Amino acid sequence: MPEGAGPDLRHRRPQARDRSAALEARMNAGLYLAQRATAAILGVAVIIHLATIMYAVRGGLTAGEILDRTSGHAGVFAFYAVFVVAAAIHAPIGLRSVLREWTVWRGRSLDVAALGFAGLILVLGLRAAYAVYAA
């Protein structure tokens, strides 16, 4: 029997018990709930964002005119900040799950990489939201 539990991309029949299975199950349940909650937020945010863009473009507004209207508007900044935070939580969880399923990458290094990706999305996204606010 193998010494550790986990898929090896081929079926190898019985596997050893994972000693940290309970802890991992709790963490995965928390990640699952976080991803589902942020999916709901993202669904609403994407619809609002697309509807606003379509309305503005149909009205004949240019990008510069849109930025003039959103500049200094705290509500727009708050909306996009929530959008960015939800994306920064949602995307890395999904990427982590895909990488765990399709590759042999496991353990703390994968979790750290997912956290780094989340931080990158958060910093760049909030920077972009602030740029729209401060334009």
N, C-alpha and C. Protein backbone atom coordinates (compact mmCIF):
# COMPACT_ATOMS: atom_id res chain seq x y z
N MET A 1 0.83 -1.19 0.00
CA MET A 1 0.00 0.00 0.00
C MET A 1 0.87 1.24 0.00
N PRO A 2 0.40 2.29 -0.65
CA PRO A 2 1.16 3.54 -0.62
C PRO A 2 1.19 4.12 0.79
N GLU A 3 2.20 4.93 1.06
CA GLU A 3 2.34 5.50 2.40
C GLU A 3 1.40 6.66 2.65
N GLY A 4 0.94 7.33 1.63
CA GLY A 4 0.05 8.47 1.81
C GLY A 4 -1.17 8.37 0.93
N ALA A 5 -2.24 9.00 1.38
CA ALA A 5 -3.46 9.01 0.59
C ALA A 5 -3.38 10.09 -0.47
N GLY A 6 -4.11 9.91 -1.53
CA GLY A 6 -4.18 10.92 -2.58
C GLY A 6 -4.13 10.28 -3.94
N PRO A 7 -4.80 10.89 -4.92
CA PRO A 7 -4.82 10.33 -6.25
C PRO A 7 -3.46 10.45 -6.91
N ASP A 8 -3.11 9.48 -7.71
CA ASP A 8 -1.86 9.52 -8.44
C ASP A 8 -2.12 9.52 -9.94
N LEU A 9 -3.30 9.98 -10.34
CA LEU A 9 -3.74 10.09 -11.73
C LEU A 9 -4.01 8.73 -12.37
N ARG A 10 -3.88 7.65 -11.64
CA ARG A 10 -4.26 6.32 -12.11
C ARG A 10 -4.86 5.58 -10.92
N HIS A 11 -5.79 4.68 -11.19
CA HIS A 11 -6.39 3.91 -10.10
C HIS A 11 -5.42 2.83 -9.64
N ARG A 12 -5.12 2.82 -8.36
CA ARG A 12 -4.18 1.84 -7.82
C ARG A 12 -4.80 1.04 -6.69
N ARG A 13 -6.09 0.92 -6.69
CA ARG A 13 -6.85 0.16 -5.69
C ARG A 13 -6.69 0.75 -4.30
N PRO A 14 -6.62 -0.06 -3.24
CA PRO A 14 -6.63 0.49 -1.88
C PRO A 14 -5.48 1.46 -1.61
N GLN A 15 -5.78 2.46 -0.84
CA GLN A 15 -4.76 3.44 -0.46
C GLN A 15 -4.69 3.52 1.06
N ALA A 16 -3.58 4.04 1.52
CA ALA A 16 -3.40 4.21 2.97
C ALA A 16 -4.36 5.27 3.49
N ARG A 17 -4.71 5.17 4.76
CA ARG A 17 -5.56 6.19 5.39
C ARG A 17 -4.78 7.48 5.57
N ASP A 18 -5.45 8.55 5.35
CA ASP A 18 -4.82 9.86 5.52
C ASP A 18 -5.01 10.30 6.97
N ARG A 19 -3.92 10.58 7.64
CA ARG A 19 -3.99 10.93 9.06
C ARG A 19 -4.65 12.29 9.29
N SER A 20 -4.56 13.16 8.31
CA SER A 20 -5.13 14.50 8.49
C SER A 20 -6.45 14.66 7.74
N ALA A 21 -7.14 13.57 7.51
CA ALA A 21 -8.37 13.60 6.71
C ALA A 21 -9.45 14.46 7.33
N ALA A 22 -9.61 14.40 8.64
CA ALA A 22 -10.66 15.19 9.30
C ALA A 22 -10.39 16.69 9.17
N LEU A 23 -9.14 17.08 9.39
CA LEU A 23 -8.78 18.49 9.26
C LEU A 23 -8.95 18.97 7.83
N GLU A 24 -8.51 18.17 6.89
CA GLU A 24 -8.64 18.54 5.48
C GLU A 24 -10.11 18.61 5.06
N ALA A 25 -10.92 17.70 5.57
CA ALA A 25 -12.35 17.72 5.24
C ALA A 25 -13.00 19.00 5.74
N ARG A 26 -12.64 19.44 6.95
CA ARG A 26 -13.19 20.69 7.48
C ARG A 26 -12.74 21.89 6.66
N MET A 27 -11.46 21.88 6.28
CA MET A 27 -10.94 22.98 5.48
C MET A 27 -11.62 23.01 4.11
N ASN A 28 -11.78 21.85 3.49
CA ASN A 28 -12.42 21.79 2.18
C ASN A 28 -13.88 22.20 2.26
N ALA A 29 -14.56 21.87 3.35
CA ALA A 29 -15.95 22.31 3.52
C ALA A 29 -16.02 23.83 3.64
N GLY A 30 -15.10 24.40 4.37
CA GLY A 30 -15.05 25.86 4.49
C GLY A 30 -14.76 26.54 3.17
N LEU A 31 -13.82 25.97 2.42
CA LEU A 31 -13.50 26.51 1.10
C LEU A 31 -14.69 26.39 0.15
N TYR A 32 -15.38 25.26 0.23
CA TYR A 32 -16.57 25.04 -0.59
C TYR A 32 -17.62 26.10 -0.30
N LEU A 33 -17.89 26.35 0.98
CA LEU A 33 -18.88 27.37 1.35
C LEU A 33 -18.44 28.77 0.93
N ALA A 34 -17.16 29.07 1.10
CA ALA A 34 -16.65 30.39 0.70
C ALA A 34 -16.79 30.57 -0.81
N GLN A 35 -16.50 29.52 -1.57
CA GLN A 35 -16.61 29.65 -3.01
C GLN A 35 -18.06 29.81 -3.45
N ARG A 36 -18.97 29.10 -2.82
CA ARG A 36 -20.39 29.23 -3.18
C ARG A 36 -20.93 30.60 -2.81
N ALA A 37 -20.55 31.11 -1.65
CA ALA A 37 -21.02 32.44 -1.23
C ALA A 37 -20.48 33.52 -2.17
N THR A 38 -19.21 33.43 -2.51
CA THR A 38 -18.64 34.44 -3.42
C THR A 38 -19.19 34.28 -4.83
N ALA A 39 -19.58 33.07 -5.22
CA ALA A 39 -20.21 32.88 -6.53
C ALA A 39 -21.53 33.64 -6.61
N ALA A 40 -22.29 33.63 -5.53
CA ALA A 40 -23.55 34.37 -5.50
C ALA A 40 -23.29 35.87 -5.61
N ILE A 41 -22.30 36.35 -4.89
CA ILE A 41 -21.95 37.78 -4.96
C ILE A 41 -21.48 38.14 -6.36
N LEU A 42 -20.61 37.30 -6.93
CA LEU A 42 -20.09 37.57 -8.27
C LEU A 42 -21.19 37.53 -9.32
N GLY A 43 -22.14 36.63 -9.18
CA GLY A 43 -23.23 36.55 -10.14
C GLY A 43 -24.01 37.85 -10.20
N VAL A 44 -24.35 38.39 -9.05
CA VAL A 44 -25.08 39.67 -8.99
C VAL A 44 -24.19 40.80 -9.50
N ALA A 45 -22.93 40.83 -9.08
CA ALA A 45 -22.03 41.90 -9.47
C ALA A 45 -21.78 41.92 -10.98
N VAL A 46 -21.63 40.76 -11.59
CA VAL A 46 -21.41 40.69 -13.04
C VAL A 46 -22.63 41.20 -13.78
N ILE A 47 -23.81 40.82 -13.35
CA ILE A 47 -25.04 41.29 -14.01
C ILE A 47 -25.16 42.81 -13.90
N ILE A 48 -24.91 43.36 -12.71
CA ILE A 48 -24.97 44.82 -12.53
C ILE A 48 -23.92 45.51 -13.40
N HIS A 49 -22.70 44.98 -13.39
CA HIS A 49 -21.62 45.57 -14.18
C HIS A 49 -21.95 45.56 -15.67
N LEU A 50 -22.37 44.41 -16.19
CA LEU A 50 -22.69 44.33 -17.62
C LEU A 50 -23.88 45.20 -18.00
N ALA A 51 -24.90 45.23 -17.17
CA ALA A 51 -26.07 46.07 -17.45
C ALA A 51 -25.68 47.54 -17.47
N THR A 52 -24.83 47.94 -16.54
CA THR A 52 -24.39 49.34 -16.49
C THR A 52 -23.57 49.70 -17.72
N ILE A 53 -22.67 48.82 -18.11
CA ILE A 53 -21.83 49.07 -19.29
C ILE A 53 -22.70 49.14 -20.55
N MET A 54 -23.64 48.21 -20.70
CA MET A 54 -24.51 48.23 -21.89
C MET A 54 -25.35 49.51 -21.92
N TYR A 55 -25.87 49.91 -20.78
CA TYR A 55 -26.67 51.14 -20.70
C TYR A 55 -25.82 52.35 -21.09
N ALA A 56 -24.61 52.42 -20.58
CA ALA A 56 -23.74 53.56 -20.86
C ALA A 56 -23.32 53.60 -22.32
N VAL A 57 -22.99 52.46 -22.89
CA VAL A 57 -22.53 52.41 -24.28
C VAL A 57 -23.69 52.71 -25.23
N ARG A 58 -24.86 52.20 -24.94
CA ARG A 58 -26.03 52.49 -25.79
C ARG A 58 -26.39 53.96 -25.73
N GLY A 59 -26.11 54.59 -24.62
CA GLY A 59 -26.36 56.02 -24.49
C GLY A 59 -25.32 56.87 -25.22
N GLY A 60 -24.33 56.22 -25.79
CA GLY A 60 -23.31 56.92 -26.56
C GLY A 60 -22.16 57.48 -25.74
N LEU A 61 -22.03 57.03 -24.50
CA LEU A 61 -20.94 57.53 -23.66
C LEU A 61 -19.62 56.89 -24.06
N THR A 62 -18.57 57.67 -24.01
CA THR A 62 -17.23 57.14 -24.24
C THR A 62 -16.63 56.72 -22.91
N ALA A 63 -15.48 56.06 -22.97
CA ALA A 63 -14.80 55.63 -21.74
C ALA A 63 -14.45 56.84 -20.87
N GLY A 64 -14.01 57.91 -21.49
CA GLY A 64 -13.67 59.12 -20.75
C GLY A 64 -14.88 59.72 -20.05
N GLU A 65 -16.02 59.73 -20.73
CA GLU A 65 -17.24 60.27 -20.12
C GLU A 65 -17.71 59.39 -18.96
N ILE A 66 -17.57 58.09 -19.12
CA ILE A 66 -17.94 57.17 -18.03
C ILE A 66 -17.06 57.42 -16.81
N LEU A 67 -15.75 57.57 -17.04
CA LEU A 67 -14.83 57.84 -15.93
C LEU A 67 -15.14 59.19 -15.28
N ASP A 68 -15.53 60.18 -16.08
CA ASP A 68 -15.91 61.47 -15.50
C ASP A 68 -17.10 61.32 -14.56
N ARG A 69 -18.06 60.47 -14.93
CA ARG A 69 -19.26 60.28 -14.10
C ARG A 69 -18.99 59.45 -12.85
N THR A 70 -18.03 58.53 -12.92
CA THR A 70 -17.76 57.66 -11.77
C THR A 70 -16.70 58.24 -10.84
N SER A 71 -15.96 59.21 -11.31
CA SER A 71 -14.88 59.80 -10.52
C SER A 71 -15.41 60.39 -9.22
N GLY A 72 -14.84 59.96 -8.11
CA GLY A 72 -15.21 60.47 -6.80
C GLY A 72 -16.49 59.91 -6.23
N HIS A 73 -17.09 58.95 -6.89
CA HIS A 73 -18.36 58.36 -6.43
C HIS A 73 -18.04 57.17 -5.51
N ALA A 74 -18.30 57.34 -4.22
CA ALA A 74 -17.95 56.31 -3.24
C ALA A 74 -18.74 55.02 -3.46
N GLY A 75 -19.97 55.13 -3.95
CA GLY A 75 -20.78 53.94 -4.21
C GLY A 75 -20.18 53.05 -5.29
N VAL A 76 -19.64 53.68 -6.33
CA VAL A 76 -18.99 52.93 -7.40
C VAL A 76 -17.75 52.23 -6.86
N PHE A 77 -16.97 52.95 -6.06
CA PHE A 77 -15.78 52.34 -5.47
C PHE A 77 -16.16 51.17 -4.56
N ALA A 78 -17.18 51.34 -3.74
CA ALA A 78 -17.61 50.27 -2.83
C ALA A 78 -18.09 49.05 -3.62
N PHE A 79 -18.86 49.28 -4.68
CA PHE A 79 -19.34 48.18 -5.51
C PHE A 79 -18.17 47.38 -6.09
N TYR A 80 -17.22 48.09 -6.71
CA TYR A 80 -16.09 47.38 -7.32
C TYR A 80 -15.14 46.79 -6.28
N ALA A 81 -15.06 47.37 -5.11
CA ALA A 81 -14.24 46.78 -4.04
C ALA A 81 -14.84 45.44 -3.60
N VAL A 82 -16.17 45.39 -3.45
CA VAL A 82 -16.83 44.12 -3.10
C VAL A 82 -16.63 43.11 -4.23
N PHE A 83 -16.75 43.56 -5.46
CA PHE A 83 -16.55 42.71 -6.64
C PHE A 83 -15.15 42.09 -6.60
N VAL A 84 -14.15 42.92 -6.35
CA VAL A 84 -12.75 42.46 -6.33
C VAL A 84 -12.50 41.49 -5.18
N VAL A 85 -13.00 41.79 -4.00
CA VAL A 85 -12.80 40.91 -2.85
C VAL A 85 -13.44 39.54 -3.12
N ALA A 86 -14.64 39.54 -3.68
CA ALA A 86 -15.30 38.27 -4.01
C ALA A 86 -14.49 37.48 -5.04
N ALA A 87 -13.97 38.16 -6.05
CA ALA A 87 -13.16 37.48 -7.07
C ALA A 87 -11.85 36.97 -6.48
N ALA A 88 -11.27 37.73 -5.56
CA ALA A 88 -10.00 37.33 -4.93
C ALA A 88 -10.17 36.13 -4.02
N ILE A 89 -11.37 35.89 -3.54
CA ILE A 89 -11.64 34.70 -2.74
C ILE A 89 -12.03 33.54 -3.65
N HIS A 90 -12.90 33.81 -4.61
CA HIS A 90 -13.50 32.76 -5.44
C HIS A 90 -12.49 32.09 -6.39
N ALA A 91 -11.76 32.88 -7.15
CA ALA A 91 -10.89 32.33 -8.20
C ALA A 91 -9.77 31.43 -7.66
N PRO A 92 -9.04 31.84 -6.62
CA PRO A 92 -7.96 30.97 -6.13
C PRO A 92 -8.46 29.63 -5.57
N ILE A 93 -9.65 29.63 -4.98
CA ILE A 93 -10.20 28.37 -4.47
C ILE A 93 -10.46 27.42 -5.63
N GLY A 94 -11.05 27.94 -6.69
CA GLY A 94 -11.31 27.11 -7.87
C GLY A 94 -10.02 26.64 -8.53
N LEU A 95 -9.05 27.54 -8.66
CA LEU A 95 -7.77 27.18 -9.26
C LEU A 95 -7.07 26.11 -8.42
N ARG A 96 -7.11 26.25 -7.11
CA ARG A 96 -6.51 25.26 -6.21
C ARG A 96 -7.15 23.89 -6.42
N SER A 97 -8.48 23.87 -6.52
CA SER A 97 -9.19 22.61 -6.72
C SER A 97 -8.83 21.96 -8.05
N VAL A 98 -8.75 22.76 -9.10
CA VAL A 98 -8.40 22.22 -10.42
C VAL A 98 -6.97 21.68 -10.41
N LEU A 99 -6.05 22.42 -9.82
CA LEU A 99 -4.66 21.96 -9.76
C LEU A 99 -4.51 20.69 -8.93
N ARG A 100 -5.26 20.58 -7.84
CA ARG A 100 -5.21 19.36 -7.02
C ARG A 100 -5.75 18.16 -7.79
N GLU A 101 -6.77 18.40 -8.61
CA GLU A 101 -7.40 17.30 -9.32
C GLU A 101 -6.61 16.88 -10.56
N TRP A 102 -6.02 17.82 -11.26
CA TRP A 102 -5.40 17.52 -12.55
C TRP A 102 -3.89 17.34 -12.50
N THR A 103 -3.27 17.71 -11.40
CA THR A 103 -1.81 17.58 -11.30
C THR A 103 -1.45 16.82 -10.02
N VAL A 104 -0.18 16.63 -9.83
CA VAL A 104 0.29 15.97 -8.61
C VAL A 104 0.67 16.99 -7.53
N TRP A 105 0.40 18.26 -7.79
CA TRP A 105 0.74 19.33 -6.84
C TRP A 105 -0.19 19.27 -5.65
N ARG A 106 0.36 19.10 -4.46
CA ARG A 106 -0.41 19.00 -3.22
C ARG A 106 0.31 19.76 -2.11
N GLY A 107 -0.33 19.85 -0.99
CA GLY A 107 0.31 20.33 0.22
C GLY A 107 0.35 21.83 0.38
N ARG A 108 1.21 22.22 1.30
CA ARG A 108 1.30 23.62 1.71
C ARG A 108 1.75 24.52 0.56
N SER A 109 2.62 24.05 -0.32
CA SER A 109 3.09 24.91 -1.41
C SER A 109 1.94 25.30 -2.34
N LEU A 110 1.01 24.39 -2.58
CA LEU A 110 -0.16 24.70 -3.40
C LEU A 110 -1.04 25.73 -2.69
N ASP A 111 -1.23 25.56 -1.39
CA ASP A 111 -2.04 26.51 -0.62
C ASP A 111 -1.40 27.90 -0.61
N VAL A 112 -0.08 27.94 -0.47
CA VAL A 112 0.63 29.23 -0.47
C VAL A 112 0.52 29.89 -1.84
N ALA A 113 0.65 29.10 -2.90
CA ALA A 113 0.51 29.65 -4.25
C ALA A 113 -0.89 30.20 -4.47
N ALA A 114 -1.91 29.50 -3.99
CA ALA A 114 -3.29 29.99 -4.12
C ALA A 114 -3.48 31.28 -3.33
N LEU A 115 -2.90 31.35 -2.14
CA LEU A 115 -2.96 32.59 -1.35
C LEU A 115 -2.24 33.74 -2.05
N GLY A 116 -1.11 33.43 -2.66
CA GLY A 116 -0.38 34.45 -3.42
C GLY A 116 -1.20 34.97 -4.59
N PHE A 117 -1.88 34.05 -5.29
CA PHE A 117 -2.74 34.43 -6.40
C PHE A 117 -3.89 35.30 -5.90
N ALA A 118 -4.46 34.94 -4.75
CA ALA A 118 -5.54 35.73 -4.16
C ALA A 118 -5.04 37.14 -3.83
N GLY A 119 -3.85 37.22 -3.25
CA GLY A 119 -3.28 38.53 -2.93
C GLY A 119 -3.05 39.38 -4.16
N LEU A 120 -2.57 38.74 -5.23
CA LEU A 120 -2.34 39.46 -6.49
C LEU A 120 -3.64 40.02 -7.05
N ILE A 121 -4.68 39.19 -7.09
CA ILE A 121 -5.98 39.65 -7.58
C ILE A 121 -6.50 40.79 -6.71
N LEU A 122 -6.36 40.65 -5.40
CA LEU A 122 -6.86 41.66 -4.47
C LEU A 122 -6.14 43.00 -4.67
N VAL A 123 -4.82 42.97 -4.72
CA VAL A 123 -4.05 44.21 -4.85
C VAL A 123 -4.31 44.88 -6.19
N LEU A 124 -4.22 44.11 -7.28
CA LEU A 124 -4.42 44.70 -8.60
C LEU A 124 -5.86 45.17 -8.79
N GLY A 125 -6.81 44.40 -8.30
CA GLY A 125 -8.22 44.78 -8.45
C GLY A 125 -8.58 46.02 -7.65
N LEU A 126 -8.13 46.09 -6.41
CA LEU A 126 -8.42 47.28 -5.60
C LEU A 126 -7.71 48.51 -6.16
N ARG A 127 -6.54 48.29 -6.73
CA ARG A 127 -5.82 49.40 -7.37
C ARG A 127 -6.61 49.93 -8.57
N ALA A 128 -7.18 49.01 -9.36
CA ALA A 128 -8.00 49.41 -10.51
C ALA A 128 -9.27 50.11 -10.05
N ALA A 129 -9.92 49.60 -9.01
CA ALA A 129 -11.14 50.23 -8.49
C ALA A 129 -10.83 51.64 -7.98
N TYR A 130 -9.71 51.79 -7.31
CA TYR A 130 -9.33 53.11 -6.83
C TYR A 130 -9.01 54.05 -7.99
N ALA A 131 -8.40 53.53 -9.05
CA ALA A 131 -8.09 54.36 -10.22
C ALA A 131 -9.37 54.90 -10.85
N VAL A 132 -10.42 54.08 -10.90
CA VAL A 132 -11.71 54.55 -11.44
C VAL A 132 -12.29 55.61 -10.51
N TYR A 133 -12.17 55.39 -9.22
CA TYR A 133 -12.68 56.34 -8.22
C TYR A 133 -11.92 57.67 -8.27
N ALA A 134 -10.61 57.60 -8.40
CA ALA A 134 -9.77 58.79 -8.33
C ALA A 134 -9.59 59.49 -9.68
N ALA A 135 -10.08 58.90 -10.76
CA ALA A 135 -9.87 59.46 -12.11
C ALA A 135 -10.43 60.86 -12.24
